[in-house]
């Protein structure tokens, strides 16, 4: 069978157009990955700060749990108190507010002590890239019994 020479192509290499298309596709992919890195770094830092805030709130709970029920006074225990007074300490930018309230059997604020105290601890810290604050609030209950 006879096949004309025009239909048979003998390519021994790649053309400049193929190289340009390959470079373009790779460049778009690499640029997409590079744009994801700052977002991932910000998300990682946000989670890290939230974990520190959680630990600071839990630290206050542990401090209060070491006291007897009667030693825990009702009211504002801390009001935006800094976690550290040293400005070089990374915890300097964290502040904590702790409020203790008497509650009734429905967990509503009460004036009389029926044996339940609600502890609310809120920790504040600045967001990594702006001046707004993030916060985390933890609430627990202590009973007299």
N, C-alpha and C. Protein backbone atom coordinates (compact mmCIF):
# COMPACT_ATOMS: atom_id res chain seq x y z
N UNK A 1 0.85 -1.16 0.00
CA UNK A 1 0.00 0.00 0.00
C UNK A 1 0.90 1.23 0.00
N UNK A 2 0.49 2.16 -0.77
CA UNK A 2 1.29 3.37 -0.93
C UNK A 2 0.77 4.48 -0.02
N UNK A 3 1.66 5.06 0.80
CA UNK A 3 1.30 6.17 1.68
C UNK A 3 2.13 7.36 1.23
N UNK A 4 1.45 8.46 0.93
CA UNK A 4 2.20 9.64 0.48
C UNK A 4 3.12 10.16 1.59
N UNK A 5 4.22 10.76 1.20
CA UNK A 5 5.20 11.30 2.14
C UNK A 5 4.63 12.42 3.01
N UNK A 6 3.61 13.10 2.56
CA UNK A 6 3.04 14.20 3.33
C UNK A 6 2.35 13.70 4.60
N UNK A 7 1.82 12.50 4.59
CA UNK A 7 1.12 11.97 5.75
C UNK A 7 2.08 11.41 6.79
N UNK A 8 3.24 11.02 6.39
CA UNK A 8 4.22 10.48 7.32
C UNK A 8 5.05 11.63 7.85
N UNK A 9 5.06 11.76 9.16
CA UNK A 9 5.83 12.83 9.79
C UNK A 9 6.86 12.19 10.69
N UNK A 10 8.05 12.64 10.58
CA UNK A 10 9.14 12.07 11.34
C UNK A 10 9.65 13.14 12.32
N UNK A 11 8.99 13.24 13.52
CA UNK A 11 9.40 14.24 14.51
C UNK A 11 10.47 13.63 15.39
N UNK A 12 11.58 14.29 15.46
CA UNK A 12 12.66 13.82 16.32
C UNK A 12 12.82 14.69 17.56
N UNK A 13 12.00 15.69 17.74
CA UNK A 13 12.15 16.59 18.88
C UNK A 13 10.82 17.26 19.19
N UNK A 14 10.90 18.25 20.08
CA UNK A 14 9.70 19.00 20.43
C UNK A 14 9.84 20.41 19.87
N UNK A 15 8.72 20.99 19.59
CA UNK A 15 8.74 22.31 18.97
C UNK A 15 8.76 23.40 20.04
N UNK A 16 9.05 24.59 19.62
CA UNK A 16 9.09 25.74 20.51
C UNK A 16 7.70 26.02 21.09
N UNK A 17 6.66 25.78 20.31
CA UNK A 17 5.29 26.00 20.78
C UNK A 17 4.97 25.04 21.93
N UNK A 18 5.38 23.80 21.81
CA UNK A 18 5.14 22.83 22.88
C UNK A 18 5.86 23.23 24.16
N UNK A 19 7.07 23.73 24.02
CA UNK A 19 7.85 24.18 25.19
C UNK A 19 7.16 25.37 25.85
N UNK A 20 6.68 26.32 25.06
CA UNK A 20 6.00 27.49 25.61
C UNK A 20 4.71 27.11 26.32
N UNK A 21 3.96 26.18 25.76
CA UNK A 21 2.72 25.72 26.40
C UNK A 21 3.04 25.02 27.72
N UNK A 22 4.04 24.19 27.74
CA UNK A 22 4.44 23.48 28.96
C UNK A 22 4.88 24.46 30.04
N UNK A 23 5.68 25.44 29.67
CA UNK A 23 6.14 26.45 30.64
C UNK A 23 4.95 27.25 31.17
N UNK A 24 4.01 27.59 30.31
CA UNK A 24 2.82 28.33 30.75
C UNK A 24 1.99 27.53 31.74
N UNK A 25 1.75 26.27 31.45
CA UNK A 25 0.96 25.43 32.34
C UNK A 25 1.67 25.27 33.69
N UNK A 26 2.96 25.01 33.67
CA UNK A 26 3.72 24.87 34.91
C UNK A 26 3.74 26.18 35.71
N UNK A 27 3.87 27.29 35.03
CA UNK A 27 3.89 28.59 35.71
C UNK A 27 2.57 28.87 36.42
N UNK A 28 1.48 28.57 35.76
CA UNK A 28 0.17 28.78 36.38
C UNK A 28 0.01 27.89 37.62
N UNK A 29 0.45 26.66 37.52
CA UNK A 29 0.38 25.75 38.67
C UNK A 29 1.25 26.20 39.82
N UNK A 30 2.45 26.63 39.53
CA UNK A 30 3.37 27.08 40.59
C UNK A 30 2.86 28.36 41.23
N UNK A 31 2.34 29.30 40.43
CA UNK A 31 1.79 30.53 41.00
C UNK A 31 0.60 30.24 41.90
N UNK A 32 -0.21 29.28 41.54
CA UNK A 32 -1.34 28.89 42.38
C UNK A 32 -0.88 28.34 43.72
N UNK A 33 0.16 27.52 43.69
CA UNK A 33 0.71 26.99 44.94
C UNK A 33 1.34 28.09 45.79
N UNK A 34 2.02 29.01 45.17
CA UNK A 34 2.66 30.09 45.91
C UNK A 34 1.63 30.99 46.59
N UNK A 35 0.48 31.17 45.98
CA UNK A 35 -0.57 31.99 46.60
C UNK A 35 -1.20 31.27 47.78
N UNK A 36 -1.13 29.96 47.83
CA UNK A 36 -1.71 29.20 48.94
C UNK A 36 -0.85 29.27 50.19
N UNK A 37 0.45 29.46 50.05
CA UNK A 37 1.34 29.47 51.21
C UNK A 37 1.02 30.56 52.22
N UNK A 38 0.84 31.83 51.84
CA UNK A 38 0.51 32.84 52.84
C UNK A 38 -0.81 32.55 53.57
N UNK A 39 -1.78 32.03 52.86
CA UNK A 39 -3.05 31.68 53.49
C UNK A 39 -2.84 30.57 54.52
N UNK A 40 -2.06 29.57 54.15
CA UNK A 40 -1.80 28.46 55.06
C UNK A 40 -1.02 28.93 56.29
N UNK A 41 -0.08 29.83 56.09
CA UNK A 41 0.70 30.37 57.22
C UNK A 41 -0.20 31.17 58.16
N UNK A 42 -1.11 31.96 57.60
CA UNK A 42 -2.03 32.75 58.43
C UNK A 42 -2.97 31.83 59.19
N UNK A 43 -3.47 30.80 58.54
CA UNK A 43 -4.37 29.85 59.21
C UNK A 43 -3.63 29.12 60.32
N UNK A 44 -2.39 28.74 60.09
CA UNK A 44 -1.60 28.06 61.11
C UNK A 44 -1.36 28.96 62.29
N UNK A 45 -1.05 30.23 62.06
CA UNK A 45 -0.81 31.19 63.15
C UNK A 45 -2.10 31.46 63.93
N UNK A 46 -3.21 31.55 63.25
CA UNK A 46 -4.49 31.75 63.91
C UNK A 46 -4.81 30.59 64.85
N UNK A 47 -4.60 29.38 64.39
CA UNK A 47 -4.84 28.19 65.21
C UNK A 47 -3.89 28.16 66.40
N UNK A 48 -2.64 28.53 66.17
CA UNK A 48 -1.66 28.56 67.26
C UNK A 48 -2.08 29.56 68.35
N UNK A 49 -2.50 30.76 67.95
CA UNK A 49 -2.93 31.77 68.93
C UNK A 49 -4.20 31.32 69.66
N UNK A 50 -5.11 30.68 68.95
CA UNK A 50 -6.34 30.19 69.57
C UNK A 50 -6.02 29.09 70.60
N UNK A 51 -5.05 28.26 70.32
CA UNK A 51 -4.64 27.22 71.26
C UNK A 51 -4.03 27.84 72.52
N UNK A 52 -3.21 28.87 72.34
CA UNK A 52 -2.63 29.57 73.49
C UNK A 52 -3.74 30.19 74.33
N UNK A 53 -4.72 30.83 73.68
CA UNK A 53 -5.84 31.41 74.39
C UNK A 53 -6.63 30.37 75.17
N UNK A 54 -6.82 29.22 74.57
CA UNK A 54 -7.52 28.12 75.23
C UNK A 54 -6.75 27.67 76.47
N UNK A 55 -5.43 27.57 76.36
CA UNK A 55 -4.61 27.16 77.50
C UNK A 55 -4.65 28.19 78.62
N UNK A 56 -4.66 29.47 78.27
CA UNK A 56 -4.72 30.52 79.30
C UNK A 56 -6.05 30.48 80.05
N UNK A 57 -7.14 30.22 79.34
CA UNK A 57 -8.44 30.10 79.99
C UNK A 57 -8.46 28.86 80.90
N UNK A 58 -7.94 27.77 80.39
CA UNK A 58 -7.90 26.53 81.17
C UNK A 58 -7.01 26.70 82.41
N UNK A 59 -5.94 27.48 82.28
CA UNK A 59 -5.05 27.74 83.41
C UNK A 59 -5.82 28.42 84.55
N UNK A 60 -6.67 29.38 84.21
CA UNK A 60 -7.47 30.06 85.23
C UNK A 60 -8.45 29.10 85.88
N UNK A 61 -9.06 28.23 85.09
CA UNK A 61 -9.96 27.22 85.66
C UNK A 61 -9.24 26.35 86.67
N UNK A 62 -8.05 25.89 86.30
CA UNK A 62 -7.29 25.02 87.20
C UNK A 62 -6.93 25.74 88.49
N UNK A 63 -6.61 27.02 88.37
CA UNK A 63 -6.30 27.82 89.56
C UNK A 63 -7.53 27.90 90.48
N UNK A 64 -8.69 28.11 89.91
CA UNK A 64 -9.92 28.21 90.71
C UNK A 64 -10.36 26.85 91.25
N UNK A 65 -10.13 25.78 90.49
CA UNK A 65 -10.49 24.44 90.96
C UNK A 65 -9.66 24.03 92.18
N UNK A 66 -8.50 24.63 92.34
CA UNK A 66 -7.66 24.28 93.49
C UNK A 66 -8.19 24.89 94.79
N UNK A 67 -9.13 25.83 94.68
CA UNK A 67 -9.72 26.47 95.84
C UNK A 67 -11.00 25.74 96.25
N UNK A 68 -11.40 25.92 97.50
CA UNK A 68 -12.68 25.34 97.92
C UNK A 68 -13.81 26.23 97.38
N UNK A 69 -15.01 25.70 97.38
CA UNK A 69 -16.17 26.42 96.86
C UNK A 69 -16.34 27.77 97.55
N UNK A 70 -16.19 27.80 98.87
CA UNK A 70 -16.40 29.03 99.63
C UNK A 70 -15.29 30.06 99.40
N UNK A 71 -14.11 29.62 98.98
CA UNK A 71 -13.01 30.55 98.72
C UNK A 71 -13.15 31.28 97.38
N UNK A 72 -14.02 30.81 96.52
CA UNK A 72 -14.22 31.42 95.21
C UNK A 72 -15.27 32.51 95.34
N UNK A 73 -14.83 33.75 95.23
CA UNK A 73 -15.76 34.87 95.40
C UNK A 73 -16.49 35.18 94.10
N UNK A 74 -17.70 35.67 94.25
CA UNK A 74 -18.55 36.00 93.11
C UNK A 74 -18.19 37.39 92.61
N UNK A 75 -18.22 37.58 91.29
CA UNK A 75 -17.95 38.88 90.69
C UNK A 75 -16.87 38.77 89.62
N UNK A 76 -16.32 39.93 89.25
CA UNK A 76 -15.26 39.97 88.23
C UNK A 76 -13.93 39.72 88.94
N UNK A 77 -13.30 38.62 88.63
CA UNK A 77 -12.03 38.25 89.24
C UNK A 77 -10.88 38.93 88.51
N UNK A 78 -10.93 38.91 87.21
CA UNK A 78 -9.94 39.57 86.35
C UNK A 78 -10.70 40.40 85.33
N UNK A 79 -10.19 41.58 85.03
CA UNK A 79 -10.82 42.41 84.00
C UNK A 79 -9.74 42.85 83.01
N UNK A 80 -9.65 42.16 81.91
CA UNK A 80 -8.64 42.42 80.88
C UNK A 80 -7.23 42.48 81.46
N UNK A 81 -6.92 41.52 82.29
CA UNK A 81 -5.58 41.43 82.88
C UNK A 81 -4.65 40.74 81.89
N UNK A 82 -3.46 41.33 81.71
CA UNK A 82 -2.48 40.76 80.78
C UNK A 82 -1.94 39.44 81.31
N UNK A 83 -1.66 38.53 80.39
CA UNK A 83 -1.10 37.24 80.78
C UNK A 83 0.35 37.38 81.21
N UNK A 84 1.02 38.43 80.75
CA UNK A 84 2.41 38.70 81.14
C UNK A 84 2.61 40.21 81.16
N UNK A 85 3.38 40.68 82.13
CA UNK A 85 3.67 42.11 82.19
C UNK A 85 4.94 42.47 81.41
N UNK A 86 5.69 41.46 80.99
CA UNK A 86 6.93 41.66 80.22
C UNK A 86 6.59 41.82 78.74
N UNK A 87 6.91 42.98 78.15
CA UNK A 87 6.56 43.24 76.75
C UNK A 87 7.30 42.33 75.78
N UNK A 88 8.42 41.75 76.19
CA UNK A 88 9.14 40.84 75.29
C UNK A 88 8.56 39.43 75.31
N UNK A 89 7.69 39.15 76.25
CA UNK A 89 7.06 37.84 76.36
C UNK A 89 5.95 37.73 75.31
N UNK A 90 5.88 36.62 74.57
CA UNK A 90 4.82 36.47 73.56
C UNK A 90 3.40 36.51 74.14
N UNK A 91 3.25 36.24 75.43
CA UNK A 91 1.92 36.26 76.05
C UNK A 91 1.49 37.66 76.45
N UNK A 92 2.34 38.65 76.25
CA UNK A 92 2.03 40.02 76.66
C UNK A 92 0.75 40.54 75.99
N UNK A 93 0.49 40.13 74.77
CA UNK A 93 -0.65 40.64 74.01
C UNK A 93 -1.96 39.92 74.34
N UNK A 94 -1.90 38.92 75.19
CA UNK A 94 -3.10 38.19 75.60
C UNK A 94 -3.64 38.82 76.88
N UNK A 95 -4.95 39.07 76.91
CA UNK A 95 -5.60 39.56 78.13
C UNK A 95 -6.73 38.59 78.49
N UNK A 96 -7.05 38.56 79.78
CA UNK A 96 -8.04 37.59 80.25
C UNK A 96 -9.03 38.27 81.19
N UNK A 97 -10.29 37.93 81.03
CA UNK A 97 -11.36 38.40 81.91
C UNK A 97 -12.05 37.17 82.48
N UNK A 98 -12.22 37.17 83.81
CA UNK A 98 -12.88 36.04 84.47
C UNK A 98 -14.02 36.58 85.33
N UNK A 99 -15.21 36.02 85.13
CA UNK A 99 -16.40 36.43 85.86
C UNK A 99 -17.00 35.19 86.52
N UNK A 100 -17.34 35.32 87.80
CA UNK A 100 -17.97 34.23 88.53
C UNK A 100 -19.36 34.69 88.98
N UNK A 101 -20.35 33.85 88.65
CA UNK A 101 -21.74 34.19 88.96
C UNK A 101 -22.41 33.04 89.72
N UNK A 102 -23.33 33.39 90.58
CA UNK A 102 -24.20 32.38 91.19
C UNK A 102 -25.29 32.04 90.18
N UNK A 103 -25.62 30.77 90.06
CA UNK A 103 -26.67 30.35 89.13
C UNK A 103 -27.64 29.43 89.85
N UNK A 104 -28.86 29.37 89.30
CA UNK A 104 -29.87 28.49 89.87
C UNK A 104 -29.86 27.15 89.13
N UNK A 105 -30.85 26.32 89.42
CA UNK A 105 -30.89 24.98 88.81
C UNK A 105 -31.11 25.01 87.30
N UNK A 106 -31.56 26.15 86.75
CA UNK A 106 -31.74 26.31 85.30
C UNK A 106 -30.54 27.00 84.65
N UNK A 107 -29.48 27.17 85.41
CA UNK A 107 -28.24 27.82 84.98
C UNK A 107 -28.44 29.29 84.62
N UNK A 108 -29.45 29.91 85.23
CA UNK A 108 -29.69 31.34 85.07
C UNK A 108 -29.09 32.07 86.26
N UNK A 109 -28.63 33.29 86.02
CA UNK A 109 -28.01 34.07 87.08
C UNK A 109 -28.98 34.23 88.26
N UNK A 110 -28.43 34.07 89.46
CA UNK A 110 -29.25 34.11 90.66
C UNK A 110 -28.59 34.98 91.72
N UNK A 111 -29.37 35.48 92.64
CA UNK A 111 -28.84 36.26 93.76
C UNK A 111 -28.56 35.37 94.97
N UNK A 112 -29.22 34.23 95.04
CA UNK A 112 -29.03 33.33 96.18
C UNK A 112 -28.11 32.18 95.78
N UNK A 113 -27.36 31.71 96.76
CA UNK A 113 -26.40 30.63 96.53
C UNK A 113 -27.06 29.30 96.84
N UNK A 114 -27.35 28.53 95.79
CA UNK A 114 -27.93 27.20 95.98
C UNK A 114 -26.87 26.11 95.78
N UNK A 115 -25.61 26.53 95.65
CA UNK A 115 -24.52 25.56 95.53
C UNK A 115 -23.92 25.45 94.15
N UNK A 116 -24.22 26.40 93.25
CA UNK A 116 -23.64 26.40 91.91
C UNK A 116 -23.03 27.75 91.59
N UNK A 117 -21.82 27.73 91.05
CA UNK A 117 -21.17 28.95 90.56
C UNK A 117 -20.72 28.70 89.12
N UNK A 118 -21.04 29.66 88.28
CA UNK A 118 -20.63 29.58 86.87
C UNK A 118 -19.39 30.45 86.68
N UNK A 119 -18.36 29.87 86.09
CA UNK A 119 -17.12 30.60 85.82
C UNK A 119 -17.01 30.80 84.32
N UNK A 120 -16.90 32.06 83.90
CA UNK A 120 -16.72 32.39 82.49
C UNK A 120 -15.38 33.09 82.35
N UNK A 121 -14.50 32.50 81.57
CA UNK A 121 -13.19 33.09 81.31
C UNK A 121 -13.09 33.38 79.83
N UNK A 122 -12.77 34.63 79.49
CA UNK A 122 -12.61 35.05 78.11
C UNK A 122 -11.20 35.57 77.93
N UNK A 123 -10.53 35.05 76.91
CA UNK A 123 -9.16 35.47 76.59
C UNK A 123 -9.20 36.20 75.26
N UNK A 124 -8.52 37.36 75.21
CA UNK A 124 -8.47 38.19 74.00
C UNK A 124 -7.04 38.27 73.50
N UNK A 125 -6.86 38.35 72.18
CA UNK A 125 -5.56 38.54 71.58
C UNK A 125 -5.74 39.20 70.22
N UNK A 126 -4.73 39.93 69.72
CA UNK A 126 -4.86 40.57 68.40
C UNK A 126 -4.72 39.55 67.28
N UNK A 127 -5.45 39.82 66.20
CA UNK A 127 -5.32 38.98 65.00
C UNK A 127 -3.92 39.18 64.42
N UNK A 128 -3.40 38.20 63.72
CA UNK A 128 -2.02 38.32 63.21
C UNK A 128 -1.77 39.49 62.26
N UNK A 129 -2.73 39.85 61.42
CA UNK A 129 -2.44 40.84 60.38
C UNK A 129 -3.16 42.17 60.54
N UNK A 130 -4.02 42.32 61.52
CA UNK A 130 -4.70 43.60 61.71
C UNK A 130 -4.86 43.89 63.20
N UNK A 131 -5.49 44.98 63.54
CA UNK A 131 -5.59 45.39 64.94
C UNK A 131 -6.86 44.91 65.63
N UNK A 132 -7.66 44.13 64.96
CA UNK A 132 -8.86 43.61 65.59
C UNK A 132 -8.50 42.51 66.58
N UNK A 133 -9.42 42.23 67.50
CA UNK A 133 -9.17 41.21 68.51
C UNK A 133 -9.93 39.93 68.21
N UNK A 134 -9.30 38.83 68.50
CA UNK A 134 -9.96 37.53 68.55
C UNK A 134 -10.21 37.22 70.01
N UNK A 135 -11.12 36.32 70.28
CA UNK A 135 -11.32 35.90 71.66
C UNK A 135 -11.87 34.49 71.70
N UNK A 136 -11.69 33.91 72.85
CA UNK A 136 -12.26 32.59 73.11
C UNK A 136 -12.83 32.63 74.52
N UNK A 137 -14.02 32.10 74.70
CA UNK A 137 -14.67 32.06 76.01
C UNK A 137 -14.91 30.62 76.40
N UNK A 138 -14.52 30.30 77.62
CA UNK A 138 -14.78 28.98 78.18
C UNK A 138 -15.65 29.16 79.41
N UNK A 139 -16.61 28.29 79.58
CA UNK A 139 -17.53 28.36 80.72
C UNK A 139 -17.54 27.00 81.42
N UNK A 140 -17.48 27.06 82.74
CA UNK A 140 -17.57 25.83 83.52
C UNK A 140 -18.43 26.10 84.74
N UNK A 141 -18.79 25.03 85.41
CA UNK A 141 -19.67 25.11 86.57
C UNK A 141 -18.98 24.43 87.74
N UNK A 142 -19.05 25.07 88.92
CA UNK A 142 -18.52 24.48 90.14
C UNK A 142 -19.69 24.29 91.10
N UNK A 143 -19.74 23.12 91.72
CA UNK A 143 -20.81 22.88 92.69
C UNK A 143 -20.23 22.77 94.08
N UNK A 144 -21.07 23.04 95.05
CA UNK A 144 -20.65 23.00 96.45
C UNK A 144 -20.42 21.56 96.91
N UNK A 145 -21.14 20.64 96.35
CA UNK A 145 -21.07 19.25 96.79
C UNK A 145 -19.86 18.54 96.30
